[in-house]
Amino acid sequence: MKMTKLSAIIALTLGGLLLCSTGALAQDNKEGGKGGRKGGFPTVEQRMERMSKELKLTDEQKPKVKVVLEDEGKKMRDVAPEDRRTKGREIRDETNKKLKEILTADQYKQYEETMANRRGKKGGGTDGDTKKEGADKKN
């Protein structure tokens, strides 16, 4: 009888420890994908940091770019999943127009090149040009 109670106490203790440890692990991984948000998309802060480094944004440009990125994020969140492809493209085009007004010509050119490279790594871009370029290079 004493052995049965002792076994039950040990089993409950081990079960409790196991539950607590998995809960702690889940909290450590709560940020999700590589971007820090659901789906692996980067946050506005992460995008700002990357753009600041890559484009060497001035202190005057940073708040303007941040507003544009926040606006884009808000609009993208409001788009229904089935409309993401078409409306997402429209939102990105609008964002690019706003960024073109804020960035210098050299910065905007660098931004476009960076975005084209990123789209290429994901298996194609929003326009068919990146796939055509790849086909031309093979021949």
C-alpha atoms as a PDB file:
ATOM      1  CA  MET A   1       0.000   0.000   0.000  1.00  0.00           C
ATOM      2  CA  LYS A   2       2.798   2.398   0.905  1.00  0.00           C
ATOM      3  CA  MET A   3       4.528   1.541  -2.371  1.00  0.00           C
ATOM      4  CA  THR A   4       1.386   2.376  -4.381  1.00  0.00           C
ATOM      5  CA  LYS A   5       1.014   5.788  -2.714  1.00  0.00           C
ATOM      6  CA  LEU A   6       4.691   6.506  -3.187  1.00  0.00           C
ATOM      7  CA  SER A   7       4.487   5.504  -6.860  1.00  0.00           C
ATOM      8  CA  ALA A   8       1.449   7.751  -7.367  1.00  0.00           C
ATOM      9  CA  ILE A   9       3.193  10.717  -5.722  1.00  0.00           C
ATOM     10  CA  ILE A  10       6.298  10.204  -7.834  1.00  0.00           C
ATOM     11  CA  ALA A  11       4.217   9.879 -11.014  1.00  0.00           C
ATOM     12  CA  LEU A  12       2.256  13.060 -10.241  1.00  0.00           C
ATOM     13  CA  THR A  13       5.444  14.942  -9.427  1.00  0.00           C
ATOM     14  CA  LEU A  14       7.138  13.864 -12.650  1.00  0.00           C
ATOM     15  CA  GLY A  15       3.996  14.674 -14.640  1.00  0.00           C
ATOM     16  CA  GLY A  16       3.859  18.143 -13.104  1.00  0.00           C
ATOM     17  CA  LEU A  17       7.504  18.765 -13.882  1.00  0.00           C
ATOM     18  CA  LEU A  18       6.995  17.610 -17.446  1.00  0.00           C
ATOM     19  CA  LEU A  19       4.033  19.956 -17.921  1.00  0.00           C
ATOM     20  CA  CYS A  20       5.942  22.894 -16.466  1.00  0.00           C
ATOM     21  CA  SER A  21       8.985  22.280 -18.650  1.00  0.00           C
ATOM     22  CA  THR A  22       6.961  22.115 -21.882  1.00  0.00           C
ATOM     23  CA  GLY A  23       5.181  25.340 -20.891  1.00  0.00           C
ATOM     24  CA  ALA A  24       8.511  27.046 -20.362  1.00  0.00           C
ATOM     25  CA  LEU A  25       9.771  25.847 -23.742  1.00  0.00           C
ATOM     26  CA  ALA A  26       6.617  27.110 -25.452  1.00  0.00           C
ATOM     27  CA  GLN A  27       7.178  30.550 -23.935  1.00  0.00           C
ATOM     28  CA  ASP A  28      10.745  30.641 -25.244  1.00  0.00           C
ATOM     29  CA  ASN A  29       9.546  29.967 -28.804  1.00  0.00           C
ATOM     30  CA  LYS A  30       6.532  32.277 -28.770  1.00  0.00           C
ATOM     31  CA  GLU A  31       8.029  34.627 -31.344  1.00  0.00           C
ATOM     32  CA  GLY A  32       7.416  32.118 -34.096  1.00  0.00           C
ATOM     33  CA  GLY A  33       9.208  32.214 -37.444  1.00  0.00           C
ATOM     34  CA  LYS A  34      12.398  33.956 -38.353  1.00  0.00           C
ATOM     35  CA  GLY A  35      10.680  37.305 -38.606  1.00  0.00           C
ATOM     36  CA  GLY A  36       9.384  37.416 -35.071  1.00  0.00           C
ATOM     37  CA  ARG A  37       5.691  37.319 -35.987  1.00  0.00           C
ATOM     38  CA  LYS A  38       3.242  34.712 -37.169  1.00  0.00           C
ATOM     39  CA  GLY A  39       4.175  33.537 -40.642  1.00  0.00           C
ATOM     40  CA  GLY A  40       7.795  34.656 -40.275  1.00  0.00           C
ATOM     41  CA  PHE A  41       7.099  38.208 -41.426  1.00  0.00           C
ATOM     42  CA  PRO A  42       9.441  40.813 -39.996  1.00  0.00           C
ATOM     43  CA  THR A  43       8.096  43.449 -37.624  1.00  0.00           C
ATOM     44  CA  VAL A  44       8.181  47.149 -38.448  1.00  0.00           C
ATOM     45  CA  GLU A  45      11.103  47.537 -36.035  1.00  0.00           C
ATOM     46  CA  GLN A  46      13.042  44.749 -37.737  1.00  0.00           C
ATOM     47  CA  ARG A  47      12.369  46.236 -41.168  1.00  0.00           C
ATOM     48  CA  MET A  48      13.402  49.680 -39.942  1.00  0.00           C
ATOM     49  CA  GLU A  49      16.645  48.338 -38.521  1.00  0.00           C
ATOM     50  CA  ARG A  50      17.463  46.481 -41.729  1.00  0.00           C
ATOM     51  CA  MET A  51      16.559  49.440 -43.962  1.00  0.00           C
ATOM     52  CA  SER A  52      18.524  51.852 -41.758  1.00  0.00           C
ATOM     53  CA  LYS A  53      21.647  49.723 -42.152  1.00  0.00           C
ATOM     54  CA  GLU A  54      21.256  48.836 -45.824  1.00  0.00           C
ATOM     55  CA  LEU A  55      20.117  52.247 -47.061  1.00  0.00           C
ATOM     56  CA  LYS A  56      21.938  54.385 -44.493  1.00  0.00           C
ATOM     57  CA  LEU A  57      18.758  56.301 -43.634  1.00  0.00           C
ATOM     58  CA  THR A  58      19.209  59.777 -42.179  1.00  0.00           C
ATOM     59  CA  ASP A  59      17.674  60.775 -38.861  1.00  0.00           C
ATOM     60  CA  GLU A  60      15.175  62.846 -40.846  1.00  0.00           C
ATOM     61  CA  GLN A  61      14.154  59.889 -43.046  1.00  0.00           C
ATOM     62  CA  LYS A  62      13.725  57.300 -40.282  1.00  0.00           C
ATOM     63  CA  PRO A  63      10.426  58.558 -38.776  1.00  0.00           C
ATOM     64  CA  LYS A  64       8.931  59.079 -42.236  1.00  0.00           C
ATOM     65  CA  VAL A  65       9.872  55.574 -43.361  1.00  0.00           C
ATOM     66  CA  LYS A  66       8.548  54.114 -40.103  1.00  0.00           C
ATOM     67  CA  VAL A  67       5.141  55.757 -40.659  1.00  0.00           C
ATOM     68  CA  VAL A  68       4.999  54.316 -44.183  1.00  0.00           C
ATOM     69  CA  LEU A  69       5.905  50.810 -42.972  1.00  0.00           C
ATOM     70  CA  GLU A  70       3.379  50.974 -40.112  1.00  0.00           C
ATOM     71  CA  ASP A  71       0.679  52.087 -42.534  1.00  0.00           C
ATOM     72  CA  GLU A  72       1.550  49.228 -44.895  1.00  0.00           C
ATOM     73  CA  GLY A  73       1.415  46.714 -42.033  1.00  0.00           C
ATOM     74  CA  LYS A  74      -1.963  47.983 -40.865  1.00  0.00           C
ATOM     75  CA  LYS A  75      -3.417  47.784 -44.363  1.00  0.00           C
ATOM     76  CA  MET A  76      -1.994  44.297 -44.929  1.00  0.00           C
ATOM     77  CA  ARG A  77      -3.535  43.036 -41.686  1.00  0.00           C
ATOM     78  CA  ASP A  78      -6.932  44.298 -42.829  1.00  0.00           C
ATOM     79  CA  VAL A  79      -6.790  42.359 -46.119  1.00  0.00           C
ATOM     80  CA  ALA A  80      -8.670  39.058 -46.272  1.00  0.00           C
ATOM     81  CA  PRO A  81      -6.436  36.047 -47.017  1.00  0.00           C
ATOM     82  CA  GLU A  82      -8.121  35.386 -50.366  1.00  0.00           C
ATOM     83  CA  ASP A  83      -7.446  38.995 -51.471  1.00  0.00           C
ATOM     84  CA  ARG A  84      -3.817  39.082 -50.327  1.00  0.00           C
ATOM     85  CA  ARG A  85      -2.282  38.562 -53.719  1.00  0.00           C
ATOM     86  CA  THR A  86      -4.068  41.371 -55.558  1.00  0.00           C
ATOM     87  CA  LYS A  87      -4.616  43.855 -52.741  1.00  0.00           C
ATOM     88  CA  GLY A  88      -1.210  43.096 -51.252  1.00  0.00           C
ATOM     89  CA  ARG A  89       0.405  44.063 -54.544  1.00  0.00           C
ATOM     90  CA  GLU A  90      -1.584  47.320 -54.592  1.00  0.00           C
ATOM     91  CA  ILE A  91      -0.540  48.105 -51.015  1.00  0.00           C
ATOM     92  CA  ARG A  92       3.131  47.367 -51.796  1.00  0.00           C
ATOM     93  CA  ASP A  93       2.970  49.582 -54.892  1.00  0.00           C
ATOM     94  CA  GLU A  94       1.523  52.407 -52.790  1.00  0.00           C
ATOM     95  CA  THR A  95       4.248  51.879 -50.178  1.00  0.00           C
ATOM     96  CA  ASN A  96       6.939  51.964 -52.871  1.00  0.00           C
ATOM     97  CA  LYS A  97       5.591  55.268 -54.222  1.00  0.00           C
ATOM     98  CA  LYS A  98       5.711  56.795 -50.737  1.00  0.00           C
ATOM     99  CA  LEU A  99       9.226  55.466 -50.124  1.00  0.00           C
ATOM    100  CA  LYS A 100      10.393  56.855 -53.466  1.00  0.00           C
ATOM    101  CA  GLU A 101       9.375  60.320 -52.248  1.00  0.00           C
ATOM    102  CA  ILE A 102      11.334  59.911 -48.994  1.00  0.00           C
ATOM    103  CA  LEU A 103      14.481  58.139 -50.180  1.00  0.00           C
ATOM    104  CA  THR A 104      17.206  59.554 -52.396  1.00  0.00           C
ATOM    105  CA  ALA A 105      17.536  58.141 -55.923  1.00  0.00           C
ATOM    106  CA  ASP A 106      20.492  55.978 -54.866  1.00  0.00           C
ATOM    107  CA  GLN A 107      18.716  54.720 -51.749  1.00  0.00           C
ATOM    108  CA  TYR A 108      15.577  53.857 -53.704  1.00  0.00           C
ATOM    109  CA  LYS A 109      17.613  52.009 -56.333  1.00  0.00           C
ATOM    110  CA  GLN A 110      19.308  50.007 -53.552  1.00  0.00           C
ATOM    111  CA  TYR A 111      15.887  49.345 -51.960  1.00  0.00           C
ATOM    112  CA  GLU A 112      14.493  48.021 -55.273  1.00  0.00           C
ATOM    113  CA  GLU A 113      17.535  45.783 -55.793  1.00  0.00           C
ATOM    114  CA  THR A 114      17.277  44.421 -52.263  1.00  0.00           C
ATOM    115  CA  MET A 115      13.560  43.694 -52.651  1.00  0.00           C
ATOM    116  CA  ALA A 116      14.132  42.018 -56.031  1.00  0.00           C
ATOM    117  CA  ASN A 117      16.801  39.796 -54.458  1.00  0.00           C
ATOM    118  CA  ARG A 118      14.472  38.850 -51.616  1.00  0.00           C
ATOM    119  CA  ARG A 119      11.634  38.001 -53.993  1.00  0.00           C
ATOM    120  CA  GLY A 120      14.049  35.918 -56.041  1.00  0.00           C
ATOM    121  CA  LYS A 121      15.029  33.866 -52.992  1.00  0.00           C
ATOM    122  CA  LYS A 122      11.380  33.100 -52.268  1.00  0.00           C
ATOM    123  CA  GLY A 123      10.812  31.478 -55.635  1.00  0.00           C
ATOM    124  CA  GLY A 124       9.763  34.386 -57.820  1.00  0.00           C
ATOM    125  CA  GLY A 125       8.518  37.901 -57.555  1.00  0.00           C
ATOM    126  CA  THR A 126       5.202  39.632 -57.720  1.00  0.00           C
ATOM    127  CA  ASP A 127       5.842  40.336 -61.371  1.00  0.00           C
ATOM    128  CA  GLY A 128       6.996  37.782 -63.900  1.00  0.00           C
ATOM    129  CA  ASP A 129      10.249  39.626 -64.667  1.00  0.00           C
ATOM    130  CA  THR A 130      12.455  37.778 -62.180  1.00  0.00           C
ATOM    131  CA  LYS A 131      11.526  34.408 -63.653  1.00  0.00           C
ATOM    132  CA  LYS A 132      12.144  35.654 -67.193  1.00  0.00           C
ATOM    133  CA  GLU A 133      15.556  37.014 -66.222  1.00  0.00           C
ATOM    134  CA  GLY A 134      16.496  33.656 -64.732  1.00  0.00           C
ATOM    135  CA  ALA A 135      15.405  31.868 -67.914  1.00  0.00           C
ATOM    136  CA  ASP A 136      17.458  34.274 -70.055  1.00  0.00           C
ATOM    137  CA  LYS A 137      20.588  33.683 -67.972  1.00  0.00           C
ATOM    138  CA  LYS A 138      20.391  29.915 -68.468  1.00  0.00           C
ATOM    139  CA  ASN A 139      20.397  30.172 -72.265  1.00  0.00           C
END
